Each structure stands twice: as structure tokens, then as C-alpha cells.
Amino acid sequence: MGRRAKFTYSSWRREPEPPKRPCDVPGCPCAGEYRAPKDKTLKEYYWFCLEHVREYNAKWDYYADMTEAEIEQQLKDDYGWGRPTWDMGERINSRLFADPLGLKREAFGGETAKPKTAQKPSVDPALTAAARILELTFPLDKQQVKTNYKRLAKICHPDSTGGDKKLEEKFKDITEAYRLIMTVLT
């Protein structure tokens, strides 16, 4: 059997650890436990004790060397956490709020609207041809495009057709049609 280590009361008692970092104020004997920024970049810091960090924070001004316009811009950027923002409705698709029957105008006391005649949107002929190759109808559904592409590609893939040149050309057309439709849908 191995030896047992003997522990004494003094080996269990913990001695207080010396401070890891001293306070950055000259002559302060306390530990620097609290960090405070040296400048606006917030990359370098002072380390202070509680008393000195309170003094430093009371005097520190982030906006000290900024003009009024720069302060205004900084505050505006802070509303969105530094991310770009847009005016309400600026980036919304107007088709989401279309009112072809004029029901909104009628409900809110506007002039009575006549129903608009349905106009077929002009579709790119290449897109129409691509949809025909993938056996799709408009409006295009992304999931249906993927399903049809996988089905047709499996049928016409050169590895499964034994080198049939007609099916190999059809596979190329299917792949190109899929690529074109997916660029339009995304």
C-alpha cells in the first residue's frame, strides 16, 4: 500500500492572496479590481480600486472633444446599436399593401375606387422557358422548383443514363434553368 499524506491544520488554512494588480493611482495601496477606459476607443484600460474608479467615472466625459453635430450623430447611431436604419416603409414591398378593389379608401372615407383591371406582369422570356424546362407554372414556389429539379436531374443525369447524349444535353438545360430561377427567387 502507498503512503498517506499527512495534512496539518496550517496546510489547510489559506493565506490571503496578494493583490493581483495594484491600483493605477500612484501611492494607493489597494488592489486595482475595477477597470476604466483610458480613451474613447475602449481598448485600453486603467485599473482602480473602488474609491478611485468612482472618482474617475465622475470626471470622465465620452463626448468631451466632440462637436455638437458629432454628438448628435453618435446618439442617432446608438438608437439602433450602431446598425443602419431606414425610415418606416422605405424598404417594404408595395405589393404587400396593394388594394386593387379600393376597400381601404372606401373604409376610410376616401373617394370610391373602381376595381383595377388585372394586368399580367411581364415575365422575362428566359424565365418562362426555364420554368417550362423544369415543368413549373407561375407563380414560382422555391420548394417546388427544388423538388422538380431533383426529380428531373435524377432522370437525366449522365451517370444514370449510360452516356445518352440527348439526355445529357437535357440535363445541362435543366441545370441552367434551375440556376436562372434560383437567382430570381433569392
N, C-alpha and C. Protein backbone atom coordinates (compact mmCIF):
# COMPACT_ATOMS: atom_id res chain seq x y z
N MET A 1 0.83 -1.17 0.00
CA MET A 1 0.00 0.00 0.00
C MET A 1 0.88 1.24 0.00
N GLY A 2 0.36 2.29 -0.53
CA GLY A 2 1.12 3.54 -0.62
C GLY A 2 1.04 4.34 0.66
N ARG A 3 1.84 5.33 0.73
CA ARG A 3 1.86 6.19 1.90
C ARG A 3 0.71 7.17 1.86
N ARG A 4 0.24 7.51 3.02
CA ARG A 4 -0.81 8.51 3.12
C ARG A 4 -0.17 9.85 3.43
N ALA A 5 -0.68 10.86 2.79
CA ALA A 5 -0.15 12.21 3.03
C ALA A 5 -0.73 12.72 4.33
N LYS A 6 0.11 13.37 5.10
CA LYS A 6 -0.35 13.94 6.36
C LYS A 6 -0.68 15.41 6.15
N PHE A 7 -1.83 15.81 6.58
CA PHE A 7 -2.25 17.20 6.49
C PHE A 7 -2.33 17.78 7.88
N THR A 8 -1.87 18.95 7.99
CA THR A 8 -1.97 19.64 9.27
C THR A 8 -2.94 20.79 9.10
N TYR A 9 -3.35 21.33 10.24
CA TYR A 9 -4.28 22.45 10.22
C TYR A 9 -3.70 23.63 9.44
N SER A 10 -2.43 23.86 9.58
CA SER A 10 -1.82 25.01 8.91
C SER A 10 -1.76 24.81 7.40
N SER A 11 -1.70 23.56 6.91
CA SER A 11 -1.67 23.35 5.46
C SER A 11 -3.06 23.54 4.84
N TRP A 12 -4.11 23.47 5.65
CA TRP A 12 -5.46 23.68 5.14
C TRP A 12 -5.85 25.14 5.20
N ARG A 13 -5.25 25.86 6.08
CA ARG A 13 -5.59 27.26 6.24
C ARG A 13 -5.05 28.04 5.05
N ARG A 14 -5.88 28.89 4.50
CA ARG A 14 -5.47 29.67 3.34
C ARG A 14 -4.94 31.02 3.78
N GLU A 15 -3.86 31.36 3.21
CA GLU A 15 -3.30 32.68 3.45
C GLU A 15 -3.95 33.64 2.46
N PRO A 16 -4.17 34.88 2.85
CA PRO A 16 -4.76 35.83 1.91
C PRO A 16 -3.82 36.04 0.72
N GLU A 17 -4.42 36.04 -0.48
CA GLU A 17 -3.63 36.21 -1.69
C GLU A 17 -3.23 37.67 -1.85
N PRO A 18 -2.03 37.91 -2.30
CA PRO A 18 -1.64 39.29 -2.54
C PRO A 18 -2.46 39.85 -3.71
N PRO A 19 -2.69 41.15 -3.77
CA PRO A 19 -3.49 41.70 -4.87
C PRO A 19 -2.85 41.39 -6.22
N LYS A 20 -3.68 41.05 -7.17
CA LYS A 20 -3.19 40.66 -8.49
C LYS A 20 -2.65 41.86 -9.26
N ARG A 21 -3.28 42.99 -9.09
CA ARG A 21 -2.84 44.17 -9.82
C ARG A 21 -3.06 45.36 -8.90
N PRO A 22 -2.09 46.24 -8.80
CA PRO A 22 -2.25 47.40 -7.92
C PRO A 22 -3.11 48.47 -8.57
N CYS A 23 -3.67 49.34 -7.77
CA CYS A 23 -4.45 50.47 -8.27
C CYS A 23 -3.51 51.38 -9.06
N ASP A 24 -3.99 51.92 -10.19
CA ASP A 24 -3.16 52.76 -11.06
C ASP A 24 -2.93 54.17 -10.51
N VAL A 25 -3.54 54.52 -9.40
CA VAL A 25 -3.29 55.82 -8.78
C VAL A 25 -2.00 55.70 -7.96
N PRO A 26 -1.01 56.55 -8.24
CA PRO A 26 0.26 56.44 -7.52
C PRO A 26 0.05 56.57 -6.00
N GLY A 27 0.68 55.68 -5.26
CA GLY A 27 0.63 55.72 -3.81
C GLY A 27 -0.56 55.02 -3.19
N CYS A 28 -1.49 54.49 -3.99
CA CYS A 28 -2.67 53.80 -3.45
C CYS A 28 -2.29 52.35 -3.14
N PRO A 29 -2.49 51.89 -1.90
CA PRO A 29 -2.10 50.53 -1.54
C PRO A 29 -3.14 49.48 -1.92
N CYS A 30 -4.31 49.90 -2.37
CA CYS A 30 -5.41 48.95 -2.65
C CYS A 30 -5.19 48.23 -3.99
N ALA A 31 -5.94 47.16 -4.16
CA ALA A 31 -5.89 46.37 -5.40
C ALA A 31 -6.72 47.06 -6.48
N GLY A 32 -6.23 47.00 -7.71
CA GLY A 32 -6.98 47.54 -8.85
C GLY A 32 -7.94 46.50 -9.38
N GLU A 33 -9.15 46.50 -8.89
CA GLU A 33 -10.14 45.49 -9.27
C GLU A 33 -11.10 45.97 -10.33
N TYR A 34 -11.18 47.27 -10.56
CA TYR A 34 -12.18 47.83 -11.47
C TYR A 34 -11.48 48.52 -12.62
N ARG A 35 -11.92 48.23 -13.83
CA ARG A 35 -11.28 48.85 -14.97
C ARG A 35 -12.08 50.06 -15.44
N ALA A 36 -11.33 51.02 -15.99
CA ALA A 36 -11.94 52.24 -16.51
C ALA A 36 -11.22 52.57 -17.81
N PRO A 37 -11.96 52.99 -18.85
CA PRO A 37 -11.33 53.22 -20.15
C PRO A 37 -10.38 54.42 -20.14
N LYS A 38 -9.27 54.28 -20.89
CA LYS A 38 -8.32 55.38 -20.99
C LYS A 38 -8.80 56.41 -22.01
N ASP A 39 -9.49 55.94 -23.07
CA ASP A 39 -9.99 56.86 -24.09
C ASP A 39 -11.24 56.27 -24.74
N LYS A 40 -11.74 56.94 -25.80
CA LYS A 40 -12.99 56.53 -26.43
C LYS A 40 -12.92 55.22 -27.21
N THR A 41 -11.72 54.79 -27.55
CA THR A 41 -11.62 53.53 -28.31
C THR A 41 -12.03 52.33 -27.47
N LEU A 42 -11.98 52.49 -26.14
CA LEU A 42 -12.36 51.42 -25.21
C LEU A 42 -11.52 50.16 -25.42
N LYS A 43 -10.25 50.35 -25.77
CA LYS A 43 -9.36 49.21 -25.96
C LYS A 43 -8.31 49.12 -24.86
N GLU A 44 -7.97 50.25 -24.25
CA GLU A 44 -7.00 50.25 -23.16
C GLU A 44 -7.70 50.75 -21.91
N TYR A 45 -7.29 50.19 -20.75
CA TYR A 45 -7.98 50.50 -19.52
C TYR A 45 -7.00 50.79 -18.38
N TYR A 46 -7.47 51.60 -17.45
CA TYR A 46 -6.82 51.77 -16.16
C TYR A 46 -7.45 50.77 -15.21
N TRP A 47 -6.73 50.40 -14.17
CA TRP A 47 -7.28 49.54 -13.13
C TRP A 47 -7.22 50.30 -11.81
N PHE A 48 -8.39 50.49 -11.21
CA PHE A 48 -8.51 51.29 -10.00
C PHE A 48 -9.17 50.48 -8.89
N CYS A 49 -8.97 50.97 -7.67
CA CYS A 49 -9.74 50.46 -6.55
C CYS A 49 -11.12 51.12 -6.62
N LEU A 50 -12.05 50.72 -5.78
CA LEU A 50 -13.42 51.22 -5.85
C LEU A 50 -13.49 52.72 -5.66
N GLU A 51 -12.77 53.24 -4.72
CA GLU A 51 -12.80 54.68 -4.45
C GLU A 51 -12.31 55.49 -5.66
N HIS A 52 -11.21 55.06 -6.25
CA HIS A 52 -10.63 55.81 -7.36
C HIS A 52 -11.41 55.63 -8.66
N VAL A 53 -12.02 54.47 -8.87
CA VAL A 53 -12.82 54.31 -10.09
C VAL A 53 -14.07 55.18 -10.02
N ARG A 54 -14.61 55.38 -8.82
CA ARG A 54 -15.76 56.28 -8.68
C ARG A 54 -15.36 57.71 -9.01
N GLU A 55 -14.20 58.15 -8.54
CA GLU A 55 -13.71 59.49 -8.84
C GLU A 55 -13.49 59.66 -10.34
N TYR A 56 -12.84 58.67 -10.94
CA TYR A 56 -12.52 58.73 -12.37
C TYR A 56 -13.81 58.79 -13.20
N ASN A 57 -14.77 57.95 -12.86
CA ASN A 57 -16.02 57.92 -13.63
C ASN A 57 -16.81 59.21 -13.48
N ALA A 58 -16.73 59.84 -12.33
CA ALA A 58 -17.44 61.10 -12.13
C ALA A 58 -16.86 62.21 -13.02
N LYS A 59 -15.58 62.14 -13.34
CA LYS A 59 -14.92 63.18 -14.13
C LYS A 59 -14.87 62.85 -15.62
N TRP A 60 -14.98 61.59 -15.98
CA TRP A 60 -14.77 61.18 -17.37
C TRP A 60 -15.96 61.56 -18.24
N ASP A 61 -15.70 62.14 -19.42
CA ASP A 61 -16.75 62.56 -20.35
C ASP A 61 -16.45 61.99 -21.73
N TYR A 62 -17.27 61.09 -22.19
CA TYR A 62 -17.08 60.45 -23.50
C TYR A 62 -17.16 61.47 -24.62
N TYR A 63 -18.00 62.46 -24.48
CA TYR A 63 -18.25 63.44 -25.54
C TYR A 63 -17.39 64.69 -25.42
N ALA A 64 -16.35 64.68 -24.60
CA ALA A 64 -15.57 65.88 -24.28
C ALA A 64 -15.01 66.59 -25.51
N ASP A 65 -14.44 65.88 -26.45
CA ASP A 65 -13.79 66.53 -27.59
C ASP A 65 -14.60 66.42 -28.89
N MET A 66 -15.92 66.24 -28.79
CA MET A 66 -16.77 66.12 -29.97
C MET A 66 -17.56 67.41 -30.19
N THR A 67 -17.85 67.69 -31.46
CA THR A 67 -18.70 68.84 -31.77
C THR A 67 -20.15 68.45 -31.52
N GLU A 68 -21.02 69.43 -31.56
CA GLU A 68 -22.43 69.15 -31.33
C GLU A 68 -23.01 68.23 -32.40
N ALA A 69 -22.59 68.42 -33.65
CA ALA A 69 -23.07 67.58 -34.74
C ALA A 69 -22.58 66.14 -34.58
N GLU A 70 -21.33 65.96 -34.14
CA GLU A 70 -20.79 64.62 -33.92
C GLU A 70 -21.52 63.92 -32.78
N ILE A 71 -21.83 64.67 -31.75
CA ILE A 71 -22.58 64.08 -30.62
C ILE A 71 -23.96 63.65 -31.08
N GLU A 72 -24.61 64.50 -31.86
CA GLU A 72 -25.95 64.18 -32.38
C GLU A 72 -25.91 62.92 -33.25
N GLN A 73 -24.90 62.81 -34.11
CA GLN A 73 -24.76 61.63 -34.96
C GLN A 73 -24.49 60.38 -34.12
N GLN A 74 -23.65 60.51 -33.11
CA GLN A 74 -23.34 59.39 -32.22
C GLN A 74 -24.61 58.89 -31.52
N LEU A 75 -25.41 59.82 -31.03
CA LEU A 75 -26.65 59.44 -30.35
C LEU A 75 -27.63 58.78 -31.32
N LYS A 76 -27.68 59.30 -32.54
CA LYS A 76 -28.57 58.71 -33.54
C LYS A 76 -28.14 57.28 -33.87
N ASP A 77 -26.83 57.07 -34.00
CA ASP A 77 -26.32 55.73 -34.28
C ASP A 77 -26.60 54.77 -33.13
N ASP A 78 -26.57 55.29 -31.91
CA ASP A 78 -26.80 54.45 -30.73
C ASP A 78 -28.25 53.97 -30.63
N TYR A 79 -29.20 54.65 -31.27
CA TYR A 79 -30.59 54.20 -31.21
C TYR A 79 -30.73 52.79 -31.78
N GLY A 80 -29.94 52.47 -32.80
CA GLY A 80 -30.00 51.14 -33.41
C GLY A 80 -28.78 50.32 -33.13
N TRP A 81 -28.08 50.59 -32.02
CA TRP A 81 -26.89 49.86 -31.61
C TRP A 81 -25.81 49.88 -32.69
N GLY A 82 -25.70 51.01 -33.40
CA GLY A 82 -24.66 51.16 -34.41
C GLY A 82 -24.98 50.51 -35.74
N ARG A 83 -26.18 49.97 -35.90
CA ARG A 83 -26.57 49.35 -37.16
C ARG A 83 -27.34 50.36 -38.00
N PRO A 84 -27.28 50.24 -39.33
CA PRO A 84 -28.01 51.19 -40.18
C PRO A 84 -29.52 51.01 -40.02
N THR A 85 -30.24 52.11 -40.11
CA THR A 85 -31.70 52.06 -40.02
C THR A 85 -32.30 52.80 -41.20
N TRP A 86 -33.56 52.55 -41.50
CA TRP A 86 -34.26 53.19 -42.60
C TRP A 86 -35.57 53.75 -42.08
N ASP A 87 -36.11 54.70 -42.83
CA ASP A 87 -37.41 55.24 -42.48
C ASP A 87 -38.46 54.15 -42.61
N MET A 88 -39.54 54.29 -41.84
CA MET A 88 -40.61 53.31 -41.84
C MET A 88 -41.20 53.16 -43.25
N GLY A 89 -41.28 51.95 -43.73
CA GLY A 89 -41.90 51.68 -45.01
C GLY A 89 -40.99 51.90 -46.21
N GLU A 90 -39.78 52.35 -45.99
CA GLU A 90 -38.90 52.66 -47.10
C GLU A 90 -38.47 51.40 -47.85
N ARG A 91 -38.29 50.32 -47.14
CA ARG A 91 -37.78 49.09 -47.75
C ARG A 91 -38.85 47.99 -47.81
N ILE A 92 -40.11 48.36 -47.78
CA ILE A 92 -41.19 47.37 -47.80
C ILE A 92 -41.71 47.23 -49.22
N ASN A 93 -41.99 46.03 -49.60
CA ASN A 93 -42.53 45.75 -50.92
C ASN A 93 -43.96 46.30 -50.99
N SER A 94 -44.20 47.18 -51.93
CA SER A 94 -45.53 47.81 -52.02
C SER A 94 -46.63 46.82 -52.39
N ARG A 95 -46.27 45.70 -52.99
CA ARG A 95 -47.29 44.71 -53.34
C ARG A 95 -47.96 44.11 -52.11
N LEU A 96 -47.28 44.16 -50.97
CA LEU A 96 -47.87 43.61 -49.75
C LEU A 96 -49.10 44.40 -49.32
N PHE A 97 -49.15 45.67 -49.70
CA PHE A 97 -50.25 46.54 -49.28
C PHE A 97 -51.13 46.96 -50.44
N ALA A 98 -51.12 46.21 -51.51
CA ALA A 98 -51.94 46.55 -52.67
C ALA A 98 -53.42 46.45 -52.31
N ASP A 99 -54.21 47.34 -52.89
CA ASP A 99 -55.65 47.37 -52.63
C ASP A 99 -56.37 47.50 -53.96
N PRO A 100 -56.41 46.42 -54.77
CA PRO A 100 -56.99 46.54 -56.11
C PRO A 100 -58.49 46.83 -56.11
N LEU A 101 -59.20 46.49 -55.05
CA LEU A 101 -60.64 46.73 -55.00
C LEU A 101 -60.99 48.07 -54.37
N GLY A 102 -60.03 48.75 -53.83
CA GLY A 102 -60.27 50.06 -53.22
C GLY A 102 -60.99 49.99 -51.89
N LEU A 103 -60.90 48.89 -51.19
CA LEU A 103 -61.62 48.72 -49.93
C LEU A 103 -61.08 49.65 -48.84
N LYS A 104 -59.78 49.90 -48.86
CA LYS A 104 -59.20 50.78 -47.84
C LYS A 104 -59.70 52.20 -48.00
N ARG A 105 -59.73 52.67 -49.22
CA ARG A 105 -60.21 54.04 -49.46
C ARG A 105 -61.67 54.19 -49.06
N GLU A 106 -62.45 53.18 -49.38
CA GLU A 106 -63.86 53.21 -49.07
C GLU A 106 -64.08 53.20 -47.55
N ALA A 107 -63.32 52.41 -46.84
CA ALA A 107 -63.48 52.28 -45.40
C ALA A 107 -63.04 53.54 -44.67
N PHE A 108 -62.07 54.26 -45.22
CA PHE A 108 -61.55 55.43 -44.54
C PHE A 108 -62.09 56.74 -45.12
N GLY A 109 -63.18 56.69 -45.84
CA GLY A 109 -63.86 57.90 -46.29
C GLY A 109 -63.26 58.56 -47.52
N GLY A 110 -62.42 57.86 -48.23
CA GLY A 110 -61.84 58.43 -49.45
C GLY A 110 -62.81 58.28 -50.60
N GLU A 111 -62.40 58.69 -51.75
CA GLU A 111 -63.28 58.55 -52.92
C GLU A 111 -63.43 57.08 -53.26
N THR A 112 -64.56 56.72 -53.80
CA THR A 112 -64.82 55.34 -54.13
C THR A 112 -63.92 54.92 -55.28
N ALA A 113 -63.25 53.85 -55.09
CA ALA A 113 -62.30 53.40 -56.11
C ALA A 113 -62.94 52.34 -56.98
N LYS A 114 -62.57 52.41 -58.23
CA LYS A 114 -63.03 51.39 -59.16
C LYS A 114 -62.00 50.27 -59.16
N PRO A 115 -62.46 49.05 -59.26
CA PRO A 115 -61.50 47.95 -59.32
C PRO A 115 -60.59 48.10 -60.53
N LYS A 116 -59.33 47.87 -60.30
CA LYS A 116 -58.38 47.96 -61.40
C LYS A 116 -58.45 46.67 -62.20
N THR A 117 -58.24 46.82 -63.49
CA THR A 117 -58.21 45.63 -64.33
C THR A 117 -56.88 44.92 -64.08
N ALA A 118 -56.98 43.66 -64.01
CA ALA A 118 -55.78 42.86 -63.72
C ALA A 118 -54.84 42.91 -64.91
N GLN A 119 -53.64 43.37 -64.65
CA GLN A 119 -52.63 43.41 -65.70
C GLN A 119 -51.67 42.27 -65.45
N LYS A 120 -51.38 41.55 -66.50
CA LYS A 120 -50.42 40.48 -66.37
C LYS A 120 -49.04 41.09 -66.31
N PRO A 121 -48.29 40.78 -65.27
CA PRO A 121 -46.93 41.31 -65.22
C PRO A 121 -46.09 40.69 -66.33
N SER A 122 -45.25 41.49 -66.91
CA SER A 122 -44.41 40.97 -67.98
C SER A 122 -43.32 40.11 -67.35
N VAL A 123 -43.20 38.91 -67.86
CA VAL A 123 -42.22 37.96 -67.34
C VAL A 123 -41.14 37.78 -68.39
N ASP A 124 -39.93 37.71 -67.92
CA ASP A 124 -38.78 37.52 -68.80
C ASP A 124 -38.96 36.21 -69.58
N PRO A 125 -38.80 36.26 -70.91
CA PRO A 125 -38.98 35.04 -71.71
C PRO A 125 -38.02 33.92 -71.30
N ALA A 126 -36.81 34.28 -70.87
CA ALA A 126 -35.86 33.26 -70.45
C ALA A 126 -36.37 32.56 -69.19
N LEU A 127 -37.01 33.32 -68.31
CA LEU A 127 -37.57 32.74 -67.09
C LEU A 127 -38.74 31.82 -67.42
N THR A 128 -39.54 32.24 -68.38
CA THR A 128 -40.67 31.40 -68.81
C THR A 128 -40.16 30.09 -69.40
N ALA A 129 -39.11 30.18 -70.22
CA ALA A 129 -38.54 28.97 -70.82
C ALA A 129 -37.94 28.07 -69.74
N ALA A 130 -37.27 28.68 -68.76
CA ALA A 130 -36.68 27.89 -67.68
C ALA A 130 -37.77 27.18 -66.88
N ALA A 131 -38.87 27.88 -66.63
CA ALA A 131 -39.98 27.26 -65.90
C ALA A 131 -40.57 26.10 -66.70
N ARG A 132 -40.66 26.27 -68.00
CA ARG A 132 -41.18 25.20 -68.85
C ARG A 132 -40.26 23.98 -68.82
N ILE A 133 -38.93 24.21 -68.82
CA ILE A 133 -37.97 23.10 -68.78
C ILE A 133 -38.11 22.32 -67.47
N LEU A 134 -38.32 23.05 -66.37
CA LEU A 134 -38.47 22.39 -65.07
C LEU A 134 -39.91 21.96 -64.78
N GLU A 135 -40.78 22.11 -65.75
CA GLU A 135 -42.19 21.70 -65.64
C GLU A 135 -42.89 22.43 -64.49
N LEU A 136 -42.72 23.76 -64.46
CA LEU A 136 -43.30 24.59 -63.41
C LEU A 136 -44.32 25.55 -63.99
N THR A 137 -45.22 26.03 -63.14
CA THR A 137 -46.16 27.07 -63.53
C THR A 137 -45.98 28.26 -62.59
N PHE A 138 -46.37 29.43 -63.05
CA PHE A 138 -46.26 30.64 -62.24
C PHE A 138 -47.45 30.74 -61.30
N PRO A 139 -47.33 31.29 -60.14
CA PRO A 139 -46.15 31.85 -59.50
C PRO A 139 -45.21 30.72 -59.06
N LEU A 140 -43.92 31.02 -59.12
CA LEU A 140 -42.91 30.01 -58.79
C LEU A 140 -42.76 29.86 -57.28
N ASP A 141 -42.70 28.63 -56.85
CA ASP A 141 -42.51 28.30 -55.44
C ASP A 141 -41.13 27.67 -55.30
N LYS A 142 -40.32 28.20 -54.40
CA LYS A 142 -38.95 27.75 -54.25
C LYS A 142 -38.86 26.25 -53.96
N GLN A 143 -39.72 25.77 -53.09
CA GLN A 143 -39.70 24.35 -52.73
C GLN A 143 -40.08 23.49 -53.93
N GLN A 144 -41.06 23.92 -54.72
CA GLN A 144 -41.47 23.16 -55.91
C GLN A 144 -40.36 23.16 -56.96
N VAL A 145 -39.63 24.29 -57.07
CA VAL A 145 -38.50 24.37 -58.01
C VAL A 145 -37.46 23.33 -57.63
N LYS A 146 -37.13 23.26 -56.35
CA LYS A 146 -36.12 22.30 -55.90
C LYS A 146 -36.58 20.85 -56.13
N THR A 147 -37.84 20.59 -55.83
CA THR A 147 -38.38 19.24 -55.99
C THR A 147 -38.32 18.80 -57.45
N ASN A 148 -38.79 19.67 -58.34
CA ASN A 148 -38.80 19.33 -59.76
C ASN A 148 -37.38 19.18 -60.29
N TYR A 149 -36.47 20.05 -59.86
CA TYR A 149 -35.09 19.96 -60.32
C TYR A 149 -34.48 18.62 -59.91
N LYS A 150 -34.66 18.23 -58.65
CA LYS A 150 -34.08 16.97 -58.18
C LYS A 150 -34.64 15.78 -58.96
N ARG A 151 -35.95 15.81 -59.20
CA ARG A 151 -36.59 14.71 -59.91
C ARG A 151 -36.06 14.60 -61.33
N LEU A 152 -36.02 15.75 -62.04
CA LEU A 152 -35.58 15.73 -63.44
C LEU A 152 -34.08 15.47 -63.56
N ALA A 153 -33.29 16.01 -62.64
CA ALA A 153 -31.85 15.79 -62.69
C ALA A 153 -31.52 14.32 -62.45
N LYS A 154 -32.27 13.67 -61.60
CA LYS A 154 -32.04 12.25 -61.32
C LYS A 154 -32.33 11.41 -62.57
N ILE A 155 -33.36 11.81 -63.32
CA ILE A 155 -33.73 11.06 -64.53
C ILE A 155 -32.69 11.26 -65.63
N CYS A 156 -32.19 12.50 -65.79
CA CYS A 156 -31.33 12.84 -66.93
C CYS A 156 -29.85 12.87 -66.62
N HIS A 157 -29.44 12.58 -65.42
CA HIS A 157 -28.01 12.66 -65.06
C HIS A 157 -27.21 11.64 -65.88
N PRO A 158 -26.03 12.06 -66.39
CA PRO A 158 -25.23 11.14 -67.23
C PRO A 158 -24.84 9.84 -66.53
N ASP A 159 -24.68 9.84 -65.24
CA ASP A 159 -24.31 8.62 -64.53
C ASP A 159 -25.42 7.59 -64.54
N SER A 160 -26.66 8.05 -64.64
CA SER A 160 -27.78 7.11 -64.60
C SER A 160 -28.34 6.80 -65.99
N THR A 161 -27.88 7.49 -67.04
CA THR A 161 -28.43 7.27 -68.38
C THR A 161 -27.50 6.46 -69.27
N GLY A 162 -26.31 6.16 -68.80
CA GLY A 162 -25.40 5.34 -69.60
C GLY A 162 -24.79 6.09 -70.77
N GLY A 163 -24.67 7.39 -70.70
CA GLY A 163 -23.99 8.16 -71.75
C GLY A 163 -24.89 8.60 -72.89
N ASP A 164 -26.21 8.60 -72.70
CA ASP A 164 -27.14 9.06 -73.74
C ASP A 164 -26.94 10.57 -73.95
N LYS A 165 -26.56 10.96 -75.17
CA LYS A 165 -26.21 12.36 -75.47
C LYS A 165 -27.44 13.28 -75.37
N LYS A 166 -28.61 12.81 -75.80
CA LYS A 166 -29.82 13.65 -75.73
C LYS A 166 -30.16 13.98 -74.29
N LEU A 167 -30.11 12.95 -73.42
CA LEU A 167 -30.42 13.19 -72.02
C LEU A 167 -29.33 14.02 -71.34
N GLU A 168 -28.09 13.89 -71.81
CA GLU A 168 -27.00 14.69 -71.25
C GLU A 168 -27.23 16.18 -71.57
N GLU A 169 -27.68 16.49 -72.77
CA GLU A 169 -27.99 17.88 -73.15
C GLU A 169 -29.20 18.39 -72.35
N LYS A 170 -30.19 17.51 -72.17
CA LYS A 170 -31.35 17.90 -71.38
C LYS A 170 -30.95 18.18 -69.92
N PHE A 171 -30.01 17.39 -69.39
CA PHE A 171 -29.51 17.62 -68.03
C PHE A 171 -28.85 18.99 -67.93
N LYS A 172 -28.07 19.37 -68.94
CA LYS A 172 -27.44 20.69 -68.94
C LYS A 172 -28.49 21.80 -68.95
N ASP A 173 -29.54 21.61 -69.75
CA ASP A 173 -30.63 22.60 -69.79
C ASP A 173 -31.35 22.70 -68.45
N ILE A 174 -31.59 21.56 -67.83
CA ILE A 174 -32.26 21.54 -66.53
C ILE A 174 -31.43 22.27 -65.48
N THR A 175 -30.13 22.03 -65.47
CA THR A 175 -29.24 22.67 -64.51
C THR A 175 -29.20 24.18 -64.73
N GLU A 176 -29.11 24.60 -65.98
CA GLU A 176 -29.07 26.04 -66.28
C GLU A 176 -30.41 26.71 -65.93
N ALA A 177 -31.52 26.03 -66.19
CA ALA A 177 -32.84 26.57 -65.85
C ALA A 177 -32.98 26.72 -64.34
N TYR A 178 -32.52 25.73 -63.59
CA TYR A 178 -32.56 25.79 -62.14
C TYR A 178 -31.74 26.96 -61.60
N ARG A 179 -30.52 27.14 -62.14
CA ARG A 179 -29.66 28.24 -61.71
C ARG A 179 -30.33 29.59 -61.98
N LEU A 180 -30.93 29.75 -63.16
CA LEU A 180 -31.60 31.01 -63.51
C LEU A 180 -32.78 31.30 -62.58
N ILE A 181 -33.61 30.31 -62.35
CA ILE A 181 -34.79 30.52 -61.50
C ILE A 181 -34.37 30.82 -60.05
N MET A 182 -33.38 30.12 -59.55
CA MET A 182 -32.96 30.35 -58.16
C MET A 182 -32.34 31.73 -58.00
N THR A 183 -31.67 32.27 -59.02
CA THR A 183 -31.14 33.64 -58.88
C THR A 183 -32.28 34.65 -58.84
N VAL A 184 -33.37 34.36 -59.51
CA VAL A 184 -34.52 35.26 -59.49
C VAL A 184 -35.27 35.15 -58.16
N LEU A 185 -35.39 33.95 -57.61
CA LEU A 185 -36.16 33.74 -56.38
C LEU A 185 -35.43 34.19 -55.12
N THR A 186 -34.11 34.28 -55.15
CA THR A 186 -33.39 34.69 -53.94
C THR A 186 -32.98 36.12 -53.98
